[in-house]
Amino acid sequence: MTKKPQENGNHIVHNLGTWCPDLPDSVDQKSLGNFPTCQAAMREAKKHFQEVNGCFKCSRACFVG
């Protein structure tokens, strides 16, 4: 998950099990742990940041356009 929000305020949840060109450098990532689904990862992410979204490229099932 990104520590720094995008311009719209969203922190992006990535799937580390797949390669993603938008994954930030490790210093800009917050580890959430391992989850069986992106929905479970999103629930955890919302405990840390109010505005979260799935990555369009690597976590599309949780991306909200």
PDB file of N, CA and C in Angstrom:
ATOM      1  N   MET A   1       0.840  -1.155   0.000  1.00  0.00           N
ATOM      2  CA  MET A   1       0.000   0.000   0.000  1.00  0.00           C
ATOM      3  C   MET A   1       0.896   1.231   0.000  1.00  0.00           C
ATOM      4  N   THR A   2       0.446   2.270  -0.697  1.00  0.00           N
ATOM      5  CA  THR A   2       1.237   3.494  -0.745  1.00  0.00           C
ATOM      6  C   THR A   2       1.056   4.312   0.523  1.00  0.00           C
ATOM      7  N   LYS A   3       2.139   4.829   1.063  1.00  0.00           N
ATOM      8  CA  LYS A   3       2.066   5.719   2.226  1.00  0.00           C
ATOM      9  C   LYS A   3       1.583   7.102   1.807  1.00  0.00           C
ATOM     10  N   LYS A   4       2.042   7.539   0.653  1.00  0.00           N
ATOM     11  CA  LYS A   4       1.710   8.874   0.155  1.00  0.00           C
ATOM     12  C   LYS A   4       0.449   8.780  -0.713  1.00  0.00           C
ATOM     13  N   PRO A   5      -0.558   9.582  -0.426  1.00  0.00           N
ATOM     14  CA  PRO A   5      -1.786   9.505  -1.224  1.00  0.00           C
ATOM     15  C   PRO A   5      -1.620  10.115  -2.615  1.00  0.00           C
ATOM     16  N   GLN A   6      -2.482   9.682  -3.519  1.00  0.00           N
ATOM     17  CA  GLN A   6      -2.543  10.291  -4.838  1.00  0.00           C
ATOM     18  C   GLN A   6      -3.184  11.669  -4.697  1.00  0.00           C
ATOM     19  N   GLU A   7      -3.267  12.402  -5.793  1.00  0.00           N
ATOM     20  CA  GLU A   7      -3.869  13.739  -5.768  1.00  0.00           C
ATOM     21  C   GLU A   7      -5.312  13.710  -5.269  1.00  0.00           C
ATOM     22  N   ASN A   8      -6.034  12.613  -5.536  1.00  0.00           N
ATOM     23  CA  ASN A   8      -7.431  12.516  -5.100  1.00  0.00           C
ATOM     24  C   ASN A   8      -7.563  12.056  -3.651  1.00  0.00           C
ATOM     25  N   GLY A   9      -6.443  11.813  -2.986  1.00  0.00           N
ATOM     26  CA  GLY A   9      -6.451  11.424  -1.578  1.00  0.00           C
ATOM     27  C   GLY A   9      -6.386   9.931  -1.334  1.00  0.00           C
ATOM     28  N   ASN A  10      -6.494   9.117  -2.379  1.00  0.00           N
ATOM     29  CA  ASN A  10      -6.470   7.664  -2.224  1.00  0.00           C
ATOM     30  C   ASN A  10      -5.071   7.130  -1.978  1.00  0.00           C
ATOM     31  N   HIS A  11      -5.001   6.184  -1.058  1.00  0.00           N
ATOM     32  CA  HIS A  11      -3.805   5.372  -0.866  1.00  0.00           C
ATOM     33  C   HIS A  11      -4.077   4.085  -1.642  1.00  0.00           C
ATOM     34  N   ILE A  12      -3.131   3.653  -2.444  1.00  0.00           N
ATOM     35  CA  ILE A  12      -3.360   2.545  -3.355  1.00  0.00           C
ATOM     36  C   ILE A  12      -2.856   1.226  -2.769  1.00  0.00           C
ATOM     37  N   VAL A  13      -3.728   0.218  -2.813  1.00  0.00           N
ATOM     38  CA  VAL A  13      -3.396  -1.121  -2.348  1.00  0.00           C
ATOM     39  C   VAL A  13      -2.927  -1.935  -3.552  1.00  0.00           C
ATOM     40  N   HIS A  14      -1.729  -2.488  -3.433  1.00  0.00           N
ATOM     41  CA  HIS A  14      -1.131  -3.290  -4.503  1.00  0.00           C
ATOM     42  C   HIS A  14      -1.127  -4.763  -4.132  1.00  0.00           C
ATOM     43  N   ASN A  15      -1.031  -5.604  -5.136  1.00  0.00           N
ATOM     44  CA  ASN A  15      -0.888  -7.041  -4.956  1.00  0.00           C
ATOM     45  C   ASN A  15       0.580  -7.373  -5.161  1.00  0.00           C
ATOM     46  N   LEU A  16       1.281  -7.680  -4.101  1.00  0.00           N
ATOM     47  CA  LEU A  16       2.711  -7.954  -4.214  1.00  0.00           C
ATOM     48  C   LEU A  16       3.004  -9.306  -4.845  1.00  0.00           C
ATOM     49  N   GLY A  17       1.966 -10.098  -5.085  1.00  0.00           N
ATOM     50  CA  GLY A  17       2.153 -11.386  -5.744  1.00  0.00           C
ATOM     51  C   GLY A  17       2.283 -11.259  -7.252  1.00  0.00           C
ATOM     52  N   THR A  18       2.084 -10.059  -7.777  1.00  0.00           N
ATOM     53  CA  THR A  18       2.209  -9.825  -9.212  1.00  0.00           C
ATOM     54  C   THR A  18       3.121  -8.630  -9.430  1.00  0.00           C
ATOM     55  N   TRP A  19       3.742  -8.583 -10.598  1.00  0.00           N
ATOM     56  CA  TRP A  19       4.587  -7.440 -10.923  1.00  0.00           C
ATOM     57  C   TRP A  19       3.696  -6.259 -11.266  1.00  0.00           C
ATOM     58  N   CYS A  20       4.023  -5.078 -10.750  1.00  0.00           N
ATOM     59  CA  CYS A  20       3.235  -3.882 -11.025  1.00  0.00           C
ATOM     60  C   CYS A  20       4.170  -2.718 -11.341  1.00  0.00           C
ATOM     61  N   PRO A  21       3.973  -2.069 -12.478  1.00  0.00           N
ATOM     62  CA  PRO A  21       4.826  -0.935 -12.825  1.00  0.00           C
ATOM     63  C   PRO A  21       4.585   0.289 -11.942  1.00  0.00           C
ATOM     64  N   ASP A  22       3.473   0.306 -11.216  1.00  0.00           N
ATOM     65  CA  ASP A  22       3.142   1.459 -10.368  1.00  0.00           C
ATOM     66  C   ASP A  22       3.504   1.266  -8.901  1.00  0.00           C
ATOM     67  N   LEU A  23       4.105   0.139  -8.564  1.00  0.00           N
ATOM     68  CA  LEU A  23       4.496  -0.110  -7.177  1.00  0.00           C
ATOM     69  C   LEU A  23       5.562   0.900  -6.760  1.00  0.00           C
ATOM     70  N   PRO A  24       5.330   1.617  -5.661  1.00  0.00           N
ATOM     71  CA  PRO A  24       6.326   2.616  -5.240  1.00  0.00           C
ATOM     72  C   PRO A  24       7.566   1.962  -4.641  1.00  0.00           C
ATOM     73  N   ASP A  25       8.611   2.751  -4.475  1.00  0.00           N
ATOM     74  CA  ASP A  25       9.823   2.281  -3.811  1.00  0.00           C
ATOM     75  C   ASP A  25       9.465   1.785  -2.409  1.00  0.00           C
ATOM     76  N   SER A  26      10.254   0.890  -1.882  1.00  0.00           N
ATOM     77  CA  SER A  26       9.949   0.270  -0.590  1.00  0.00           C
ATOM     78  C   SER A  26       9.793   1.288   0.545  1.00  0.00           C
ATOM     79  N   VAL A  27      10.512   2.404   0.496  1.00  0.00           N
ATOM     80  CA  VAL A  27      10.379   3.411   1.552  1.00  0.00           C
ATOM     81  C   VAL A  27       9.021   4.102   1.511  1.00  0.00           C
ATOM     82  N   ASP A  28       8.346   4.031   0.382  1.00  0.00           N
ATOM     83  CA  ASP A  28       7.021   4.653   0.229  1.00  0.00           C
ATOM     84  C   ASP A  28       5.886   3.647   0.340  1.00  0.00           C
ATOM     85  N   GLN A  29       6.201   2.418   0.801  1.00  0.00           N
ATOM     86  CA  GLN A  29       5.195   1.371   0.946  1.00  0.00           C
ATOM     87  C   GLN A  29       4.888   1.115   2.413  1.00  0.00           C
ATOM     88  N   LYS A  30       3.652   0.778   2.686  1.00  0.00           N
ATOM     89  CA  LYS A  30       3.243   0.320   4.010  1.00  0.00           C
ATOM     90  C   LYS A  30       2.760  -1.113   3.843  1.00  0.00           C
ATOM     91  N   SER A  31       3.384  -2.034   4.531  1.00  0.00           N
ATOM     92  CA  SER A  31       3.000  -3.438   4.435  1.00  0.00           C
ATOM     93  C   SER A  31       1.739  -3.680   5.257  1.00  0.00           C
ATOM     94  N   LEU A  32       0.784  -4.341   4.656  1.00  0.00           N
ATOM     95  CA  LEU A  32      -0.460  -4.677   5.341  1.00  0.00           C
ATOM     96  C   LEU A  32      -0.483  -6.115   5.818  1.00  0.00           C
ATOM     97  N   GLY A  33       0.395  -6.943   5.261  1.00  0.00           N
ATOM     98  CA  GLY A  33       0.401  -8.368   5.560  1.00  0.00           C
ATOM     99  C   GLY A  33      -0.072  -9.150   4.356  1.00  0.00           C
ATOM    100  N   ASN A  34      -0.318 -10.439   4.553  1.00  0.00           N
ATOM    101  CA  ASN A  34      -0.787 -11.313   3.485  1.00  0.00           C
ATOM    102  C   ASN A  34      -2.271 -11.588   3.667  1.00  0.00           C
ATOM    103  N   PHE A  35      -3.019 -11.517   2.583  1.00  0.00           N
ATOM    104  CA  PHE A  35      -4.460 -11.712   2.633  1.00  0.00           C
ATOM    105  C   PHE A  35      -4.905 -12.614   1.497  1.00  0.00           C
ATOM    106  N   PRO A  36      -5.959 -13.397   1.723  1.00  0.00           N
ATOM    107  CA  PRO A  36      -6.427 -14.313   0.686  1.00  0.00           C
ATOM    108  C   PRO A  36      -7.119 -13.603  -0.480  1.00  0.00           C
ATOM    109  N   THR A  37      -7.640 -12.403  -0.239  1.00  0.00           N
ATOM    110  CA  THR A  37      -8.337 -11.648  -1.284  1.00  0.00           C
ATOM    111  C   THR A  37      -7.980 -10.172  -1.184  1.00  0.00           C
ATOM    112  N   CYS A  38      -8.194  -9.448  -2.267  1.00  0.00           N
ATOM    113  CA  CYS A  38      -7.940  -8.005  -2.207  1.00  0.00           C
ATOM    114  C   CYS A  38      -8.979  -7.323  -1.313  1.00  0.00           C
ATOM    115  N   GLN A  39     -10.176  -7.879  -1.219  1.00  0.00           N
ATOM    116  CA  GLN A  39     -11.199  -7.298  -0.345  1.00  0.00           C
ATOM    117  C   GLN A  39     -10.743  -7.324   1.114  1.00  0.00           C
ATOM    118  N   ALA A  40     -10.104  -8.409   1.517  1.00  0.00           N
ATOM    119  CA  ALA A  40      -9.574  -8.504   2.887  1.00  0.00           C
ATOM    120  C   ALA A  40      -8.446  -7.491   3.085  1.00  0.00           C
ATOM    121  N   ALA A  41      -7.607  -7.322   2.076  1.00  0.00           N
ATOM    122  CA  ALA A  41      -6.528  -6.329   2.160  1.00  0.00           C
ATOM    123  C   ALA A  41      -7.100  -4.919   2.244  1.00  0.00           C
ATOM    124  N   MET A  42      -8.166  -4.660   1.518  1.00  0.00           N
ATOM    125  CA  MET A  42      -8.802  -3.335   1.555  1.00  0.00           C
ATOM    126  C   MET A  42      -9.377  -3.041   2.948  1.00  0.00           C
ATOM    127  N   ARG A  43      -9.969  -4.040   3.575  1.00  0.00           N
ATOM    128  CA  ARG A  43     -10.499  -3.841   4.942  1.00  0.00           C
ATOM    129  C   ARG A  43      -9.372  -3.457   5.893  1.00  0.00           C
ATOM    130  N   GLU A  44      -8.228  -4.128   5.764  1.00  0.00           N
ATOM    131  CA  GLU A  44      -7.071  -3.809   6.609  1.00  0.00           C
ATOM    132  C   GLU A  44      -6.553  -2.404   6.287  1.00  0.00           C
ATOM    133  N   ALA A  45      -6.485  -2.065   5.017  1.00  0.00           N
ATOM    134  CA  ALA A  45      -5.992  -0.751   4.602  1.00  0.00           C
ATOM    135  C   ALA A  45      -6.837   0.370   5.192  1.00  0.00           C
ATOM    136  N   LYS A  46      -8.143   0.150   5.277  1.00  0.00           N
ATOM    137  CA  LYS A  46      -9.051   1.177   5.809  1.00  0.00           C
ATOM    138  C   LYS A  46      -8.857   1.399   7.310  1.00  0.00           C
ATOM    139  N   LYS A  47      -8.166   0.489   7.969  1.00  0.00           N
ATOM    140  CA  LYS A  47      -7.819   0.690   9.379  1.00  0.00           C
ATOM    141  C   LYS A  47      -6.689   1.712   9.520  1.00  0.00           C
ATOM    142  N   HIS A  48      -5.938   1.933   8.439  1.00  0.00           N
ATOM    143  CA  HIS A  48      -4.782   2.818   8.458  1.00  0.00           C
ATOM    144  C   HIS A  48      -5.036   4.158   7.771  1.00  0.00           C
ATOM    145  N   PHE A  49      -5.821   4.133   6.712  1.00  0.00           N
ATOM    146  CA  PHE A  49      -6.123   5.339   5.945  1.00  0.00           C
ATOM    147  C   PHE A  49      -7.598   5.333   5.557  1.00  0.00           C
ATOM    148  N   GLN A  50      -8.217   6.490   5.600  1.00  0.00           N
ATOM    149  CA  GLN A  50      -9.641   6.592   5.293  1.00  0.00           C
ATOM    150  C   GLN A  50      -9.927   6.345   3.813  1.00  0.00           C
ATOM    151  N   GLU A  51      -9.113   6.920   2.945  1.00  0.00           N
ATOM    152  CA  GLU A  51      -9.328   6.810   1.503  1.00  0.00           C
ATOM    153  C   GLU A  51      -8.360   5.795   0.903  1.00  0.00           C
ATOM    154  N   VAL A  52      -8.886   4.652   0.458  1.00  0.00           N
ATOM    155  CA  VAL A  52      -8.062   3.620  -0.164  1.00  0.00           C
ATOM    156  C   VAL A  52      -8.731   3.134  -1.448  1.00  0.00           C
ATOM    157  N   ASN A  53      -7.920   2.597  -2.342  1.00  0.00           N
ATOM    158  CA  ASN A  53      -8.429   2.053  -3.588  1.00  0.00           C
ATOM    159  C   ASN A  53      -7.462   0.963  -4.036  1.00  0.00           C
ATOM    160  N   GLY A  54      -7.980  -0.021  -4.756  1.00  0.00           N
ATOM    161  CA  GLY A  54      -7.137  -1.057  -5.327  1.00  0.00           C
ATOM    162  C   GLY A  54      -6.414  -0.515  -6.549  1.00  0.00           C
ATOM    163  N   CYS A  55      -5.248  -1.033  -6.807  1.00  0.00           N
ATOM    164  CA  CYS A  55      -4.474  -0.630  -7.984  1.00  0.00           C
ATOM    165  C   CYS A  55      -5.166  -1.134  -9.247  1.00  0.00           C
ATOM    166  N   PHE A  56      -5.322  -0.273 -10.226  1.00  0.00           N
ATOM    167  CA  PHE A  56      -5.957  -0.642 -11.488  1.00  0.00           C
ATOM    168  C   PHE A  56      -5.176  -1.729 -12.209  1.00  0.00           C
ATOM    169  N   LYS A  57      -3.862  -1.744 -12.040  1.00  0.00           N
ATOM    170  CA  LYS A  57      -3.024  -2.677 -12.788  1.00  0.00           C
ATOM    171  C   LYS A  57      -2.819  -4.023 -12.094  1.00  0.00           C
ATOM    172  N   CYS A  58      -2.680  -4.036 -10.780  1.00  0.00           N
ATOM    173  CA  CYS A  58      -2.355  -5.298 -10.111  1.00  0.00           C
ATOM    174  C   CYS A  58      -3.407  -5.766  -9.095  1.00  0.00           C
ATOM    175  N   SER A  59      -4.389  -4.941  -8.817  1.00  0.00           N
ATOM    176  CA  SER A  59      -5.455  -5.312  -7.872  1.00  0.00           C
ATOM    177  C   SER A  59      -6.791  -4.815  -8.412  1.00  0.00           C
ATOM    178  N   ARG A  60      -7.029  -5.115  -9.682  1.00  0.00           N
ATOM    179  CA  ARG A  60      -8.189  -4.587 -10.401  1.00  0.00           C
ATOM    180  C   ARG A  60      -9.528  -4.997  -9.767  1.00  0.00           C
ATOM    181  N   ALA A  61      -9.590  -6.156  -9.150  1.00  0.00           N
ATOM    182  CA  ALA A  61     -10.846  -6.600  -8.536  1.00  0.00           C
ATOM    183  C   ALA A  61     -11.299  -5.647  -7.430  1.00  0.00           C
ATOM    184  N   CYS A  62     -10.374  -4.883  -6.872  1.00  0.00           N
ATOM    185  CA  CYS A  62     -10.722  -3.929  -5.812  1.00  0.00           C
ATOM    186  C   CYS A  62     -10.602  -2.479  -6.270  1.00  0.00           C
ATOM    187  N   PHE A  63     -10.335  -2.275  -7.539  1.00  0.00           N
ATOM    188  CA  PHE A  63     -10.249  -0.905  -8.070  1.00  0.00           C
ATOM    189  C   PHE A  63     -11.653  -0.344  -8.249  1.00  0.00           C
ATOM    190  N   VAL A  64     -11.843   0.869  -7.752  1.00  0.00           N
ATOM    191  CA  VAL A  64     -13.104   1.585  -7.934  1.00  0.00           C
ATOM    192  C   VAL A  64     -12.802   2.804  -8.783  1.00  0.00           C
ATOM    193  N   GLY A  65     -13.328   2.810  -9.991  1.00  0.00           N
ATOM    194  CA  GLY A  65     -13.051   3.891 -10.946  1.00  0.00           C
ATOM    195  C   GLY A  65     -13.691   5.122 -10.545  1.00  0.00           C
TER     196      GLY A  65
END
